[in-house]
Amino acid sequence: MSKIIAYLRTSTDKQDLNNQKLEILEWTRKQDLKIDEFVEITISSRKTSKQRRIEEILHMLASSDMLIVTELSRLGRSTAEVIALVNELVARNIRVIILKQNLDISQHDMHSKVIITLFSLFAELERDLISLRTKESLAAKKRQGQTLGKPKGTLQKSKFDADQERIKDLLKLGLSVRKIATLLGYKNHLALNTYINRRKLRE
């Protein structure tokens, strides 16, 4: 039988968790649905997906289950991360309900596919803007005569770092690097493969 899981997250305010729960309970009452489990956490969005109990939810949910949140921002720390998670859930045939944005995202709904496509474009734009700001900052430091870069052999920070634990889990499940890149919203699976090899993420 399909499960319905509600995810509640706030940075510090316990009262906000209660408000989220009440909002979700009101919606499910109107839909004549019953929540099977509430997953609650008070933690900053800057923490890892494991610390935010996102990985726990991914293990709990199965095909035809439903995940409910009050708003998209509860699911991640950036547009790219949120979209990657939603894409992963939809690919697994898990229905995602976001109350504040009035979104009901499922695998077989054409409207949902349009929404996900638009979100993906926004995520790509966000990555491009971050990249542009980084390049401009590096160029300014270089003009000021600052030495850039780290000693040879040092592992550089990577855009894949935020998803490292999820990448490990997906590798354990036997997914190909190309499939993992698609699920997480990355275009270049070759760069992801290099990242996996350098950090020896395959067991």
C-alpha atoms as a PDB file:
ATOM      1  CA  MET A   1       0.000   0.000   0.000  1.00  0.00           C
ATOM      2  CA  SER A   2       1.247   3.478  -0.876  1.00  0.00           C
ATOM      3  CA  LYS A   3       2.673   5.638   1.923  1.00  0.00           C
ATOM      4  CA  ILE A   4       2.291   9.365   2.498  1.00  0.00           C
ATOM      5  CA  ILE A   5       5.269  11.048   4.175  1.00  0.00           C
ATOM      6  CA  ALA A   6       5.425  14.693   5.217  1.00  0.00           C
ATOM      7  CA  TYR A   7       8.804  16.413   5.520  1.00  0.00           C
ATOM      8  CA  LEU A   8       9.099  19.408   7.859  1.00  0.00           C
ATOM      9  CA  ARG A   9      12.282  21.442   8.224  1.00  0.00           C
ATOM     10  CA  THR A  10      13.093  24.753   9.863  1.00  0.00           C
ATOM     11  CA  SER A  11      16.379  26.413  10.784  1.00  0.00           C
ATOM     12  CA  THR A  12      15.694  27.343  14.405  1.00  0.00           C
ATOM     13  CA  ASP A  13      12.036  28.104  15.095  1.00  0.00           C
ATOM     14  CA  LYS A  14      10.130  25.150  16.596  1.00  0.00           C
ATOM     15  CA  GLN A  15       6.904  27.093  16.172  1.00  0.00           C
ATOM     16  CA  ASP A  16       7.469  27.073  12.419  1.00  0.00           C
ATOM     17  CA  LEU A  17       7.528  23.252  12.495  1.00  0.00           C
ATOM     18  CA  ASN A  18       4.115  23.297  14.156  1.00  0.00           C
ATOM     19  CA  ASN A  19       2.801  25.719  11.542  1.00  0.00           C
ATOM     20  CA  GLN A  20       4.085  23.464   8.742  1.00  0.00           C
ATOM     21  CA  LYS A  21       2.434  20.439  10.339  1.00  0.00           C
ATOM     22  CA  LEU A  22      -0.894  22.245  10.709  1.00  0.00           C
ATOM     23  CA  GLU A  23      -0.762  23.408   7.086  1.00  0.00           C
ATOM     24  CA  ILE A  24      -0.088  19.870   5.845  1.00  0.00           C
ATOM     25  CA  LEU A  25      -2.769  18.328   8.090  1.00  0.00           C
ATOM     26  CA  GLU A  26      -5.324  20.846   6.830  1.00  0.00           C
ATOM     27  CA  TRP A  27      -4.493  20.014   3.211  1.00  0.00           C
ATOM     28  CA  THR A  28      -4.669  16.251   3.769  1.00  0.00           C
ATOM     29  CA  ARG A  29      -7.995  16.645   5.614  1.00  0.00           C
ATOM     30  CA  LYS A  30      -9.477  18.414   2.589  1.00  0.00           C
ATOM     31  CA  GLN A  31      -8.092  15.694   0.299  1.00  0.00           C
ATOM     32  CA  ASP A  32      -9.360  12.935   2.635  1.00  0.00           C
ATOM     33  CA  LEU A  33      -5.801  11.605   3.019  1.00  0.00           C
ATOM     34  CA  LYS A  34      -3.848  10.409   6.060  1.00  0.00           C
ATOM     35  CA  ILE A  35      -0.170  11.039   6.762  1.00  0.00           C
ATOM     36  CA  ASP A  36       1.699   7.815   7.537  1.00  0.00           C
ATOM     37  CA  GLU A  37       4.749   9.534   8.978  1.00  0.00           C
ATOM     38  CA  PHE A  38       6.067  13.013   9.735  1.00  0.00           C
ATOM     39  CA  VAL A  39       9.820  13.518   9.313  1.00  0.00           C
ATOM     40  CA  GLU A  40      10.792  16.624  11.305  1.00  0.00           C
ATOM     41  CA  ILE A  41      14.151  18.361  11.654  1.00  0.00           C
ATOM     42  CA  THR A  42      15.355  21.707  13.023  1.00  0.00           C
ATOM     43  CA  ILE A  43      18.574  22.408  11.167  1.00  0.00           C
ATOM     44  CA  SER A  44      20.157  24.885   8.761  1.00  0.00           C
ATOM     45  CA  SER A  45      19.703  24.324   5.024  1.00  0.00           C
ATOM     46  CA  ARG A  46      23.507  24.586   4.725  1.00  0.00           C
ATOM     47  CA  LYS A  47      23.925  21.176   6.355  1.00  0.00           C
ATOM     48  CA  THR A  48      24.344  18.009   4.270  1.00  0.00           C
ATOM     49  CA  SER A  49      21.379  16.102   2.863  1.00  0.00           C
ATOM     50  CA  LYS A  50      22.083  13.329   5.382  1.00  0.00           C
ATOM     51  CA  GLN A  51      21.988  15.748   8.300  1.00  0.00           C
ATOM     52  CA  ARG A  52      18.765  17.244   6.947  1.00  0.00           C
ATOM     53  CA  ARG A  53      17.274  13.682   6.839  1.00  0.00           C
ATOM     54  CA  ILE A  54      16.777  13.892   3.059  1.00  0.00           C
ATOM     55  CA  GLU A  55      18.650  10.629   2.507  1.00  0.00           C
ATOM     56  CA  GLU A  56      16.480   9.004   5.170  1.00  0.00           C
ATOM     57  CA  ILE A  57      13.370  10.048   3.255  1.00  0.00           C
ATOM     58  CA  LEU A  58      14.766   8.699  -0.010  1.00  0.00           C
ATOM     59  CA  HIS A  59      15.208   5.302   1.635  1.00  0.00           C
ATOM     60  CA  MET A  60      11.707   5.408   3.136  1.00  0.00           C
ATOM     61  CA  LEU A  61       9.888   6.250  -0.109  1.00  0.00           C
ATOM     62  CA  ALA A  62       9.024   3.705  -2.789  1.00  0.00           C
ATOM     63  CA  SER A  63       7.196   3.754  -6.132  1.00  0.00           C
ATOM     64  CA  SER A  64       3.638   5.207  -5.908  1.00  0.00           C
ATOM     65  CA  ASP A  65       4.343   6.827  -2.508  1.00  0.00           C
ATOM     66  CA  MET A  66       3.765  10.526  -1.842  1.00  0.00           C
ATOM     67  CA  LEU A  67       5.992  13.206  -0.298  1.00  0.00           C
ATOM     68  CA  ILE A  68       4.408  16.421   1.016  1.00  0.00           C
ATOM     69  CA  VAL A  69       6.235  19.634   1.969  1.00  0.00           C
ATOM     70  CA  THR A  70       4.925  23.125   2.612  1.00  0.00           C
ATOM     71  CA  GLU A  71       7.338  24.778   0.165  1.00  0.00           C
ATOM     72  CA  LEU A  72      10.167  23.952  -2.234  1.00  0.00           C
ATOM     73  CA  SER A  73      12.853  25.646  -0.128  1.00  0.00           C
ATOM     74  CA  ARG A  74      12.414  22.974   2.567  1.00  0.00           C
ATOM     75  CA  LEU A  75      13.954  20.393   0.229  1.00  0.00           C
ATOM     76  CA  GLY A  76      17.374  21.913  -0.452  1.00  0.00           C
ATOM     77  CA  ARG A  77      19.902  24.709  -0.153  1.00  0.00           C
ATOM     78  CA  SER A  78      19.902  25.721  -3.818  1.00  0.00           C
ATOM     79  CA  THR A  79      17.673  25.567  -6.882  1.00  0.00           C
ATOM     80  CA  ALA A  80      19.943  22.946  -8.432  1.00  0.00           C
ATOM     81  CA  GLU A  81      19.780  20.706  -5.360  1.00  0.00           C
ATOM     82  CA  VAL A  82      15.984  20.978  -5.090  1.00  0.00           C
ATOM     83  CA  ILE A  83      15.510  20.152  -8.773  1.00  0.00           C
ATOM     84  CA  ALA A  84      17.899  17.201  -8.590  1.00  0.00           C
ATOM     85  CA  LEU A  85      15.934  15.797  -5.654  1.00  0.00           C
ATOM     86  CA  VAL A  86      12.556  16.337  -7.311  1.00  0.00           C
ATOM     87  CA  ASN A  87      13.828  14.751 -10.533  1.00  0.00           C
ATOM     88  CA  GLU A  88      15.076  11.744  -8.579  1.00  0.00           C
ATOM     89  CA  LEU A  89      11.726  11.334  -6.806  1.00  0.00           C
ATOM     90  CA  VAL A  90       9.708  11.660 -10.006  1.00  0.00           C
ATOM     91  CA  ALA A  91      12.006   9.195 -11.796  1.00  0.00           C
ATOM     92  CA  ARG A  92      11.156   6.712  -9.028  1.00  0.00           C
ATOM     93  CA  ASN A  93       7.407   7.333  -9.562  1.00  0.00           C
ATOM     94  CA  ILE A  94       7.015   9.198  -6.266  1.00  0.00           C
ATOM     95  CA  ARG A  95       4.398  11.953  -6.241  1.00  0.00           C
ATOM     96  CA  VAL A  96       5.639  15.273  -4.798  1.00  0.00           C
ATOM     97  CA  ILE A  97       3.198  17.792  -3.304  1.00  0.00           C
ATOM     98  CA  ILE A  98       4.399  21.348  -2.557  1.00  0.00           C
ATOM     99  CA  LEU A  99       1.625  23.332  -0.886  1.00  0.00           C
ATOM    100  CA  LYS A 100       2.827  26.953  -1.012  1.00  0.00           C
ATOM    101  CA  GLN A 101       3.721  26.754  -4.713  1.00  0.00           C
ATOM    102  CA  ASN A 102       0.540  24.734  -5.400  1.00  0.00           C
ATOM    103  CA  LEU A 103       2.518  22.009  -7.201  1.00  0.00           C
ATOM    104  CA  ASP A 104       1.513  18.380  -7.657  1.00  0.00           C
ATOM    105  CA  ILE A 105       4.415  16.717  -9.477  1.00  0.00           C
ATOM    106  CA  SER A 106       4.152  13.172 -10.781  1.00  0.00           C
ATOM    107  CA  GLN A 107       5.792  11.024 -13.442  1.00  0.00           C
ATOM    108  CA  HIS A 108       2.789  10.738 -15.746  1.00  0.00           C
ATOM    109  CA  ASP A 109       1.568  14.335 -15.693  1.00  0.00           C
ATOM    110  CA  MET A 110       2.545  16.553 -18.655  1.00  0.00           C
ATOM    111  CA  HIS A 111       2.110  19.735 -16.579  1.00  0.00           C
ATOM    112  CA  SER A 112       4.625  18.344 -14.079  1.00  0.00           C
ATOM    113  CA  LYS A 113       7.127  17.712 -16.869  1.00  0.00           C
ATOM    114  CA  VAL A 114       6.821  21.327 -18.021  1.00  0.00           C
ATOM    115  CA  ILE A 115       7.344  22.572 -14.442  1.00  0.00           C
ATOM    116  CA  ILE A 116      10.427  20.385 -13.966  1.00  0.00           C
ATOM    117  CA  THR A 117      11.861  21.580 -17.297  1.00  0.00           C
ATOM    118  CA  LEU A 118      11.430  25.218 -16.239  1.00  0.00           C
ATOM    119  CA  PHE A 119      12.966  24.548 -12.839  1.00  0.00           C
ATOM    120  CA  SER A 120      15.911  22.856 -14.525  1.00  0.00           C
ATOM    121  CA  LEU A 121      16.458  25.960 -16.639  1.00  0.00           C
ATOM    122  CA  PHE A 122      16.403  28.129 -13.495  1.00  0.00           C
ATOM    123  CA  ALA A 123      18.909  25.782 -11.852  1.00  0.00           C
ATOM    124  CA  GLU A 124      21.193  26.027 -14.871  1.00  0.00           C
ATOM    125  CA  LEU A 125      20.905  29.822 -14.771  1.00  0.00           C
ATOM    126  CA  GLU A 126      21.788  29.807 -11.070  1.00  0.00           C
ATOM    127  CA  ARG A 127      24.905  27.688 -11.729  1.00  0.00           C
ATOM    128  CA  ASP A 128      25.937  29.999 -14.584  1.00  0.00           C
ATOM    129  CA  LEU A 129      25.540  33.100 -12.405  1.00  0.00           C
ATOM    130  CA  ILE A 130      27.583  31.535  -9.596  1.00  0.00           C
ATOM    131  CA  SER A 131      30.267  30.562 -12.114  1.00  0.00           C
ATOM    132  CA  LEU A 132      30.324  34.076 -13.549  1.00  0.00           C
ATOM    133  CA  ARG A 133      30.636  35.672 -10.100  1.00  0.00           C
ATOM    134  CA  THR A 134      33.451  33.259  -9.231  1.00  0.00           C
ATOM    135  CA  LYS A 135      35.359  34.092 -12.431  1.00  0.00           C
ATOM    136  CA  GLU A 136      34.932  37.822 -11.841  1.00  0.00           C
ATOM    137  CA  SER A 137      36.170  37.457  -8.248  1.00  0.00           C
ATOM    138  CA  LEU A 138      39.229  35.446  -9.345  1.00  0.00           C
ATOM    139  CA  ALA A 139      40.023  37.957 -12.063  1.00  0.00           C
ATOM    140  CA  ALA A 140      39.861  40.806  -9.516  1.00  0.00           C
ATOM    141  CA  LYS A 141      42.205  38.949  -7.122  1.00  0.00           C
ATOM    142  CA  LYS A 142      44.623  38.247  -9.959  1.00  0.00           C
ATOM    143  CA  ARG A 143      44.716  41.930 -10.881  1.00  0.00           C
ATOM    144  CA  GLN A 144      45.553  42.704  -7.248  1.00  0.00           C
ATOM    145  CA  GLY A 145      48.526  40.347  -7.463  1.00  0.00           C
ATOM    146  CA  GLN A 146      47.147  37.616  -5.203  1.00  0.00           C
ATOM    147  CA  THR A 147      48.430  34.064  -5.794  1.00  0.00           C
ATOM    148  CA  LEU A 148      45.578  31.824  -6.884  1.00  0.00           C
ATOM    149  CA  GLY A 149      45.137  28.092  -6.581  1.00  0.00           C
ATOM    150  CA  LYS A 150      46.257  25.401  -4.143  1.00  0.00           C
ATOM    151  CA  PRO A 151      49.371  23.240  -3.937  1.00  0.00           C
ATOM    152  CA  LYS A 152      49.644  20.529  -6.572  1.00  0.00           C
ATOM    153  CA  GLY A 153      47.833  17.340  -5.587  1.00  0.00           C
ATOM    154  CA  THR A 154      45.294  19.116  -3.358  1.00  0.00           C
ATOM    155  CA  LEU A 155      41.709  18.067  -4.023  1.00  0.00           C
ATOM    156  CA  GLN A 156      39.798  21.140  -5.137  1.00  0.00           C
ATOM    157  CA  LYS A 157      36.261  21.900  -4.015  1.00  0.00           C
ATOM    158  CA  SER A 158      33.759  20.596  -6.519  1.00  0.00           C
ATOM    159  CA  LYS A 159      30.147  21.295  -7.424  1.00  0.00           C
ATOM    160  CA  PHE A 160      29.594  17.578  -6.810  1.00  0.00           C
ATOM    161  CA  ASP A 161      30.637  17.824  -3.124  1.00  0.00           C
ATOM    162  CA  ALA A 162      27.112  18.695  -1.972  1.00  0.00           C
ATOM    163  CA  ASP A 163      25.810  15.448  -3.473  1.00  0.00           C
ATOM    164  CA  GLN A 164      28.743  13.208  -2.496  1.00  0.00           C
ATOM    165  CA  GLU A 165      26.771  11.018  -0.074  1.00  0.00           C
ATOM    166  CA  ARG A 166      23.930  10.585  -2.558  1.00  0.00           C
ATOM    167  CA  ILE A 167      26.427   9.743  -5.312  1.00  0.00           C
ATOM    168  CA  LYS A 168      27.893   7.015  -3.076  1.00  0.00           C
ATOM    169  CA  ASP A 169      24.421   5.606  -2.377  1.00  0.00           C
ATOM    170  CA  LEU A 170      23.480   5.575  -6.058  1.00  0.00           C
ATOM    171  CA  LEU A 171      26.761   3.876  -6.958  1.00  0.00           C
ATOM    172  CA  LYS A 172      26.013   1.206  -4.337  1.00  0.00           C
ATOM    173  CA  LEU A 173      22.625   0.683  -6.000  1.00  0.00           C
ATOM    174  CA  GLY A 174      24.490  -0.091  -9.222  1.00  0.00           C
ATOM    175  CA  LEU A 175      23.490   2.990 -11.218  1.00  0.00           C
ATOM    176  CA  SER A 176      25.793   4.093 -14.012  1.00  0.00           C
ATOM    177  CA  VAL A 177      27.601   7.425 -13.786  1.00  0.00           C
ATOM    178  CA  ARG A 178      25.558   8.692 -16.744  1.00  0.00           C
ATOM    179  CA  LYS A 179      22.293   7.805 -14.933  1.00  0.00           C
ATOM    180  CA  ILE A 180      23.483   9.390 -11.684  1.00  0.00           C
ATOM    181  CA  ALA A 181      24.396  12.592 -13.527  1.00  0.00           C
ATOM    182  CA  THR A 182      20.908  12.697 -15.060  1.00  0.00           C
ATOM    183  CA  LEU A 183      19.153  12.092 -11.724  1.00  0.00           C
ATOM    184  CA  LEU A 184      21.154  14.806  -9.978  1.00  0.00           C
ATOM    185  CA  GLY A 185      20.725  17.320 -12.786  1.00  0.00           C
ATOM    186  CA  TYR A 186      24.316  17.403 -14.053  1.00  0.00           C
ATOM    187  CA  LYS A 187      24.910  17.626 -17.802  1.00  0.00           C
ATOM    188  CA  ASN A 188      28.512  16.408 -17.899  1.00  0.00           C
ATOM    189  CA  HIS A 189      28.691  12.779 -16.740  1.00  0.00           C
ATOM    190  CA  LEU A 190      32.378  12.630 -17.723  1.00  0.00           C
ATOM    191  CA  ALA A 191      33.226  15.332 -15.152  1.00  0.00           C
ATOM    192  CA  LEU A 192      31.221  13.397 -12.575  1.00  0.00           C
ATOM    193  CA  ASN A 193      33.119  10.209 -13.453  1.00  0.00           C
ATOM    194  CA  THR A 194      36.433  12.042 -12.939  1.00  0.00           C
ATOM    195  CA  TYR A 195      35.183  13.320  -9.574  1.00  0.00           C
ATOM    196  CA  ILE A 196      34.196   9.778  -8.517  1.00  0.00           C
ATOM    197  CA  ASN A 197      37.584   8.355  -9.536  1.00  0.00           C
ATOM    198  CA  ARG A 198      39.667  11.072  -7.871  1.00  0.00           C
ATOM    199  CA  ARG A 199      37.785  10.716  -4.588  1.00  0.00           C
ATOM    200  CA  LYS A 200      37.636   6.916  -4.872  1.00  0.00           C
ATOM    201  CA  LEU A 201      33.889   6.808  -4.212  1.00  0.00           C
ATOM    202  CA  ARG A 202      33.439   3.364  -5.763  1.00  0.00           C
ATOM    203  CA  GLU A 203      33.704   0.567  -3.235  1.00  0.00           C
END
